[in-house]
Amino acid sequence: MQPLSDRVVFYYIFFITFFILLSILWGLTKDKKLTGYQRSNRTNLVIKQAVILISLIGLSMGLNNILTLV
């Protein structure tokens, strides 16, 4: 069995992080009876997680681009 190419591994990582981000954002819509403070705290946490995930995806896409050019 041949090892997976770098591009296939990149797409696996990309789609896994994409689905993690979607599940986090979907969890925001499941508000039970939260106070305003809890809701804003939760929203701020999700925004920080989304920024981290998006920056990791951008970094991995950039590295993949650079490494495939070499």
PDB file of N, CA and C in Angstrom:
ATOM      1  N   MET A   1       0.839  -1.185   0.000  1.00  0.00           N
ATOM      2  CA  MET A   1       0.000   0.000   0.000  1.00  0.00           C
ATOM      3  C   MET A   1       0.881   1.245   0.000  1.00  0.00           C
ATOM      4  N   GLN A   2       0.579   2.187  -0.874  1.00  0.00           N
ATOM      5  CA  GLN A   2       1.379   3.393  -0.995  1.00  0.00           C
ATOM      6  C   GLN A   2       1.014   4.388   0.105  1.00  0.00           C
ATOM      7  N   PRO A   3       1.996   5.140   0.585  1.00  0.00           N
ATOM      8  CA  PRO A   3       1.673   6.173   1.583  1.00  0.00           C
ATOM      9  C   PRO A   3       0.877   7.298   0.927  1.00  0.00           C
ATOM     10  N   LEU A   4       0.105   7.987   1.730  1.00  0.00           N
ATOM     11  CA  LEU A   4      -0.705   9.095   1.220  1.00  0.00           C
ATOM     12  C   LEU A   4       0.189  10.262   0.812  1.00  0.00           C
ATOM     13  N   SER A   5      -0.189  10.938  -0.246  1.00  0.00           N
ATOM     14  CA  SER A   5       0.581  12.104  -0.671  1.00  0.00           C
ATOM     15  C   SER A   5       0.328  13.258   0.304  1.00  0.00           C
ATOM     16  N   ASP A   6       1.196  14.265   0.207  1.00  0.00           N
ATOM     17  CA  ASP A   6       1.071  15.425   1.101  1.00  0.00           C
ATOM     18  C   ASP A   6      -0.241  16.159   0.876  1.00  0.00           C
ATOM     19  N   ARG A   7      -0.671  16.227  -0.377  1.00  0.00           N
ATOM     20  CA  ARG A   7      -1.899  16.954  -0.692  1.00  0.00           C
ATOM     21  C   ARG A   7      -3.115  16.261  -0.094  1.00  0.00           C
ATOM     22  N   VAL A   8      -3.136  14.937  -0.113  1.00  0.00           N
ATOM     23  CA  VAL A   8      -4.264  14.198   0.458  1.00  0.00           C
ATOM     24  C   VAL A   8      -4.313  14.403   1.967  1.00  0.00           C
ATOM     25  N   VAL A   9      -3.162  14.364   2.616  1.00  0.00           N
ATOM     26  CA  VAL A   9      -3.103  14.593   4.061  1.00  0.00           C
ATOM     27  C   VAL A   9      -3.556  16.014   4.378  1.00  0.00           C
ATOM     28  N   PHE A  10      -3.145  16.978   3.551  1.00  0.00           N
ATOM     29  CA  PHE A  10      -3.568  18.361   3.747  1.00  0.00           C
ATOM     30  C   PHE A  10      -5.083  18.484   3.662  1.00  0.00           C
ATOM     31  N   TYR A  11      -5.696  17.832   2.668  1.00  0.00           N
ATOM     32  CA  TYR A  11      -7.151  17.922   2.534  1.00  0.00           C
ATOM     33  C   TYR A  11      -7.864  17.257   3.703  1.00  0.00           C
ATOM     34  N   TYR A  12      -7.317  16.147   4.207  1.00  0.00           N
ATOM     35  CA  TYR A  12      -7.903  15.532   5.402  1.00  0.00           C
ATOM     36  C   TYR A  12      -7.880  16.512   6.570  1.00  0.00           C
ATOM     37  N   ILE A  13      -6.736  17.149   6.794  1.00  0.00           N
ATOM     38  CA  ILE A  13      -6.609  18.102   7.900  1.00  0.00           C
ATOM     39  C   ILE A  13      -7.537  19.298   7.681  1.00  0.00           C
ATOM     40  N   PHE A  14      -7.612  19.785   6.442  1.00  0.00           N
ATOM     41  CA  PHE A  14      -8.465  20.927   6.126  1.00  0.00           C
ATOM     42  C   PHE A  14      -9.930  20.620   6.426  1.00  0.00           C
ATOM     43  N   PHE A  15     -10.426  19.477   5.958  1.00  0.00           N
ATOM     44  CA  PHE A  15     -11.837  19.161   6.161  1.00  0.00           C
ATOM     45  C   PHE A  15     -12.148  18.831   7.618  1.00  0.00           C
ATOM     46  N   ILE A  16     -11.209  18.245   8.330  1.00  0.00           N
ATOM     47  CA  ILE A  16     -11.430  17.980   9.755  1.00  0.00           C
ATOM     48  C   ILE A  16     -11.559  19.299  10.517  1.00  0.00           C
ATOM     49  N   THR A  17     -10.657  20.255  10.254  1.00  0.00           N
ATOM     50  CA  THR A  17     -10.759  21.545  10.949  1.00  0.00           C
ATOM     51  C   THR A  17     -12.008  22.309  10.515  1.00  0.00           C
ATOM     52  N   PHE A  18     -12.412  22.160   9.252  1.00  0.00           N
ATOM     53  CA  PHE A  18     -13.635  22.811   8.778  1.00  0.00           C
ATOM     54  C   PHE A  18     -14.854  22.269   9.511  1.00  0.00           C
ATOM     55  N   PHE A  19     -14.929  20.954   9.683  1.00  0.00           N
ATOM     56  CA  PHE A  19     -16.068  20.375  10.388  1.00  0.00           C
ATOM     57  C   PHE A  19     -16.042  20.699  11.878  1.00  0.00           C
ATOM     58  N   ILE A  20     -14.853  20.826  12.462  1.00  0.00           N
ATOM     59  CA  ILE A  20     -14.760  21.261  13.858  1.00  0.00           C
ATOM     60  C   ILE A  20     -15.317  22.679  13.991  1.00  0.00           C
ATOM     61  N   LEU A  21     -14.934  23.556  13.061  1.00  0.00           N
ATOM     62  CA  LEU A  21     -15.431  24.931  13.089  1.00  0.00           C
ATOM     63  C   LEU A  21     -16.945  24.977  12.918  1.00  0.00           C
ATOM     64  N   LEU A  22     -17.468  24.175  11.996  1.00  0.00           N
ATOM     65  CA  LEU A  22     -18.915  24.140  11.801  1.00  0.00           C
ATOM     66  C   LEU A  22     -19.643  23.629  13.036  1.00  0.00           C
ATOM     67  N   SER A  23     -19.078  22.619  13.688  1.00  0.00           N
ATOM     68  CA  SER A  23     -19.746  22.095  14.885  1.00  0.00           C
ATOM     69  C   SER A  23     -19.710  23.102  16.026  1.00  0.00           C
ATOM     70  N   ILE A  24     -18.629  23.875  16.124  1.00  0.00           N
ATOM     71  CA  ILE A  24     -18.560  24.918  17.149  1.00  0.00           C
ATOM     72  C   ILE A  24     -19.616  25.987  16.877  1.00  0.00           C
ATOM     73  N   LEU A  25     -19.716  26.421  15.616  1.00  0.00           N
ATOM     74  CA  LEU A  25     -20.696  27.451  15.276  1.00  0.00           C
ATOM     75  C   LEU A  25     -22.123  26.931  15.402  1.00  0.00           C
ATOM     76  N   TRP A  26     -22.347  25.666  15.100  1.00  0.00           N
ATOM     77  CA  TRP A  26     -23.676  25.074  15.254  1.00  0.00           C
ATOM     78  C   TRP A  26     -24.063  25.020  16.732  1.00  0.00           C
ATOM     79  N   GLY A  27     -23.068  24.789  17.604  1.00  0.00           N
ATOM     80  CA  GLY A  27     -23.327  24.773  19.033  1.00  0.00           C
ATOM     81  C   GLY A  27     -23.783  26.117  19.561  1.00  0.00           C
ATOM     82  N   LEU A  28     -23.414  27.194  18.867  1.00  0.00           N
ATOM     83  CA  LEU A  28     -23.868  28.521  19.288  1.00  0.00           C
ATOM     84  C   LEU A  28     -25.370  28.689  19.122  1.00  0.00           C
ATOM     85  N   THR A  29     -25.946  27.988  18.169  1.00  0.00           N
ATOM     86  CA  THR A  29     -27.382  28.134  17.933  1.00  0.00           C
ATOM     87  C   THR A  29     -28.207  27.372  18.953  1.00  0.00           C
ATOM     88  N   LYS A  30     -27.574  26.527  19.735  1.00  0.00           N
ATOM     89  CA  LYS A  30     -28.292  25.719  20.719  1.00  0.00           C
ATOM     90  C   LYS A  30     -28.319  26.429  22.073  1.00  0.00           C
ATOM     91  N   ASP A  31     -28.838  27.644  22.089  1.00  0.00           N
ATOM     92  CA  ASP A  31     -28.947  28.404  23.336  1.00  0.00           C
ATOM     93  C   ASP A  31     -30.074  27.842  24.180  1.00  0.00           C
ATOM     94  N   LYS A  32     -29.719  27.455  25.372  1.00  0.00           N
ATOM     95  CA  LYS A  32     -30.768  27.120  26.327  1.00  0.00           C
ATOM     96  C   LYS A  32     -31.042  28.417  27.084  1.00  0.00           C
ATOM     97  N   LYS A  33     -31.367  28.361  28.311  1.00  0.00           N
ATOM     98  CA  LYS A  33     -31.646  29.588  29.062  1.00  0.00           C
ATOM     99  C   LYS A  33     -30.342  30.124  29.655  1.00  0.00           C
ATOM    100  N   LEU A  34     -29.619  30.879  28.844  1.00  0.00           N
ATOM    101  CA  LEU A  34     -28.368  31.467  29.290  1.00  0.00           C
ATOM    102  C   LEU A  34     -28.583  32.942  29.597  1.00  0.00           C
ATOM    103  N   THR A  35     -27.828  33.432  30.571  1.00  0.00           N
ATOM    104  CA  THR A  35     -27.869  34.865  30.850  1.00  0.00           C
ATOM    105  C   THR A  35     -27.108  35.604  29.753  1.00  0.00           C
ATOM    106  N   GLY A  36     -27.261  36.902  29.725  1.00  0.00           N
ATOM    107  CA  GLY A  36     -26.564  37.703  28.721  1.00  0.00           C
ATOM    108  C   GLY A  36     -25.057  37.586  28.842  1.00  0.00           C
ATOM    109  N   TYR A  37     -24.560  37.535  30.084  1.00  0.00           N
ATOM    110  CA  TYR A  37     -23.120  37.409  30.309  1.00  0.00           C
ATOM    111  C   TYR A  37     -22.612  36.071  29.785  1.00  0.00           C
ATOM    112  N   GLN A  38     -23.334  34.992  30.069  1.00  0.00           N
ATOM    113  CA  GLN A  38     -22.921  33.672  29.598  1.00  0.00           C
ATOM    114  C   GLN A  38     -22.943  33.604  28.076  1.00  0.00           C
ATOM    115  N   ARG A  39     -23.954  34.212  27.468  1.00  0.00           N
ATOM    116  CA  ARG A  39     -24.066  34.190  26.010  1.00  0.00           C
ATOM    117  C   ARG A  39     -22.918  34.965  25.364  1.00  0.00           C
ATOM    118  N   SER A  40     -22.594  36.146  25.906  1.00  0.00           N
ATOM    119  CA  SER A  40     -21.500  36.935  25.329  1.00  0.00           C
ATOM    120  C   SER A  40     -20.156  36.261  25.578  1.00  0.00           C
ATOM    121  N   ASN A  41     -20.004  35.643  26.745  1.00  0.00           N
ATOM    122  CA  ASN A  41     -18.776  34.923  27.052  1.00  0.00           C
ATOM    123  C   ASN A  41     -18.589  33.760  26.089  1.00  0.00           C
ATOM    124  N   ARG A  42     -19.660  33.058  25.832  1.00  0.00           N
ATOM    125  CA  ARG A  42     -19.617  31.910  24.925  1.00  0.00           C
ATOM    126  C   ARG A  42     -19.322  32.361  23.496  1.00  0.00           C
ATOM    127  N   THR A  43     -19.930  33.461  23.084  1.00  0.00           N
ATOM    128  CA  THR A  43     -19.690  33.990  21.739  1.00  0.00           C
ATOM    129  C   THR A  43     -18.240  34.421  21.579  1.00  0.00           C
ATOM    130  N   ASN A  44     -17.686  35.100  22.580  1.00  0.00           N
ATOM    131  CA  ASN A  44     -16.285  35.524  22.515  1.00  0.00           C
ATOM    132  C   ASN A  44     -15.348  34.330  22.435  1.00  0.00           C
ATOM    133  N   LEU A  45     -15.637  33.278  23.171  1.00  0.00           N
ATOM    134  CA  LEU A  45     -14.804  32.081  23.140  1.00  0.00           C
ATOM    135  C   LEU A  45     -14.843  31.430  21.764  1.00  0.00           C
ATOM    136  N   VAL A  46     -16.017  31.343  21.179  1.00  0.00           N
ATOM    137  CA  VAL A  46     -16.148  30.726  19.856  1.00  0.00           C
ATOM    138  C   VAL A  46     -15.443  31.564  18.796  1.00  0.00           C
ATOM    139  N   ILE A  47     -15.516  32.878  18.915  1.00  0.00           N
ATOM    140  CA  ILE A  47     -14.826  33.742  17.952  1.00  0.00           C
ATOM    141  C   ILE A  47     -13.318  33.533  18.048  1.00  0.00           C
ATOM    142  N   LYS A  48     -12.789  33.428  19.265  1.00  0.00           N
ATOM    143  CA  LYS A  48     -11.351  33.183  19.431  1.00  0.00           C
ATOM    144  C   LYS A  48     -10.956  31.833  18.842  1.00  0.00           C
ATOM    145  N   GLN A  49     -11.774  30.804  19.070  1.00  0.00           N
ATOM    146  CA  GLN A  49     -11.479  29.487  18.511  1.00  0.00           C
ATOM    147  C   GLN A  49     -11.526  29.521  16.989  1.00  0.00           C
ATOM    148  N   ALA A  50     -12.482  30.250  16.435  1.00  0.00           N
ATOM    149  CA  ALA A  50     -12.596  30.340  14.977  1.00  0.00           C
ATOM    150  C   ALA A  50     -11.387  31.055  14.381  1.00  0.00           C
ATOM    151  N   VAL A  51     -10.921  32.108  15.035  1.00  0.00           N
ATOM    152  CA  VAL A  51      -9.747  32.828  14.541  1.00  0.00           C
ATOM    153  C   VAL A  51      -8.526  31.920  14.560  1.00  0.00           C
ATOM    154  N   ILE A  52      -8.365  31.136  15.620  1.00  0.00           N
ATOM    155  CA  ILE A  52      -7.234  30.214  15.702  1.00  0.00           C
ATOM    156  C   ILE A  52      -7.320  29.159  14.605  1.00  0.00           C
ATOM    157  N   LEU A  53      -8.511  28.576  14.413  1.00  0.00           N
ATOM    158  CA  LEU A  53      -8.662  27.552  13.380  1.00  0.00           C
ATOM    159  C   LEU A  53      -8.433  28.117  11.983  1.00  0.00           C
ATOM    160  N   ILE A  54      -8.968  29.296  11.706  1.00  0.00           N
ATOM    161  CA  ILE A  54      -8.801  29.888  10.380  1.00  0.00           C
ATOM    162  C   ILE A  54      -7.336  30.234  10.120  1.00  0.00           C
ATOM    163  N   SER A  55      -6.637  30.735  11.143  1.00  0.00           N
ATOM    164  CA  SER A  55      -5.220  31.042  10.952  1.00  0.00           C
ATOM    165  C   SER A  55      -4.410  29.767  10.744  1.00  0.00           C
ATOM    166  N   LEU A  56      -4.760  28.678  11.437  1.00  0.00           N
ATOM    167  CA  LEU A  56      -4.063  27.409  11.211  1.00  0.00           C
ATOM    168  C   LEU A  56      -4.319  26.875   9.809  1.00  0.00           C
ATOM    169  N   ILE A  57      -5.549  27.001   9.336  1.00  0.00           N
ATOM    170  CA  ILE A  57      -5.858  26.559   7.970  1.00  0.00           C
ATOM    171  C   ILE A  57      -5.077  27.398   6.959  1.00  0.00           C
ATOM    172  N   GLY A  58      -5.042  28.707   7.160  1.00  0.00           N
ATOM    173  CA  GLY A  58      -4.292  29.575   6.253  1.00  0.00           C
ATOM    174  C   GLY A  58      -2.804  29.259   6.262  1.00  0.00           C
ATOM    175  N   LEU A  59      -2.257  29.014   7.441  1.00  0.00           N
ATOM    176  CA  LEU A  59      -0.845  28.666   7.555  1.00  0.00           C
ATOM    177  C   LEU A  59      -0.543  27.346   6.859  1.00  0.00           C
ATOM    178  N   SER A  60      -1.405  26.357   7.063  1.00  0.00           N
ATOM    179  CA  SER A  60      -1.156  25.060   6.432  1.00  0.00           C
ATOM    180  C   SER A  60      -1.311  25.147   4.917  1.00  0.00           C
ATOM    181  N   MET A  61      -2.270  25.965   4.434  1.00  0.00           N
ATOM    182  CA  MET A  61      -2.411  26.139   2.986  1.00  0.00           C
ATOM    183  C   MET A  61      -1.190  26.848   2.406  1.00  0.00           C
ATOM    184  N   GLY A  62      -0.692  27.850   3.109  1.00  0.00           N
ATOM    185  CA  GLY A  62       0.503  28.556   2.645  1.00  0.00           C
ATOM    186  C   GLY A  62       1.725  27.661   2.616  1.00  0.00           C
ATOM    187  N   LEU A  63       1.915  26.882   3.673  1.00  0.00           N
ATOM    188  CA  LEU A  63       3.044  25.951   3.701  1.00  0.00           C
ATOM    189  C   LEU A  63       2.919  24.902   2.607  1.00  0.00           C
ATOM    190  N   ASN A  64       1.712  24.426   2.379  1.00  0.00           N
ATOM    191  CA  ASN A  64       1.501  23.442   1.322  1.00  0.00           C
ATOM    192  C   ASN A  64       1.845  24.042  -0.036  1.00  0.00           C
ATOM    193  N   ASN A  65       1.459  25.290  -0.249  1.00  0.00           N
ATOM    194  CA  ASN A  65       1.775  25.965  -1.503  1.00  0.00           C
ATOM    195  C   ASN A  65       3.276  26.119  -1.684  1.00  0.00           C
ATOM    196  N   ILE A  66       3.960  26.553  -0.634  1.00  0.00           N
ATOM    197  CA  ILE A  66       5.406  26.762  -0.708  1.00  0.00           C
ATOM    198  C   ILE A  66       6.128  25.440  -0.933  1.00  0.00           C
ATOM    199  N   LEU A  67       5.717  24.403  -0.216  1.00  0.00           N
ATOM    200  CA  LEU A  67       6.409  23.121  -0.330  1.00  0.00           C
ATOM    201  C   LEU A  67       6.170  22.444  -1.673  1.00  0.00           C
ATOM    202  N   THR A  68       5.033  22.693  -2.297  1.00  0.00           N
ATOM    203  CA  THR A  68       4.799  22.084  -3.605  1.00  0.00           C
ATOM    204  C   THR A  68       5.528  22.838  -4.711  1.00  0.00           C
ATOM    205  N   LEU A  69       5.920  24.090  -4.469  1.00  0.00           N
ATOM    206  CA  LEU A  69       6.672  24.844  -5.469  1.00  0.00           C
ATOM    207  C   LEU A  69       8.136  24.433  -5.510  1.00  0.00           C
ATOM    208  N   VAL A  70       8.651  23.933  -4.408  1.00  0.00           N
ATOM    209  CA  VAL A  70      10.082  23.593  -4.322  1.00  0.00           C
ATOM    210  C   VAL A  70      10.394  22.347  -5.081  1.00  0.00           C
TER     211      VAL A  70
END
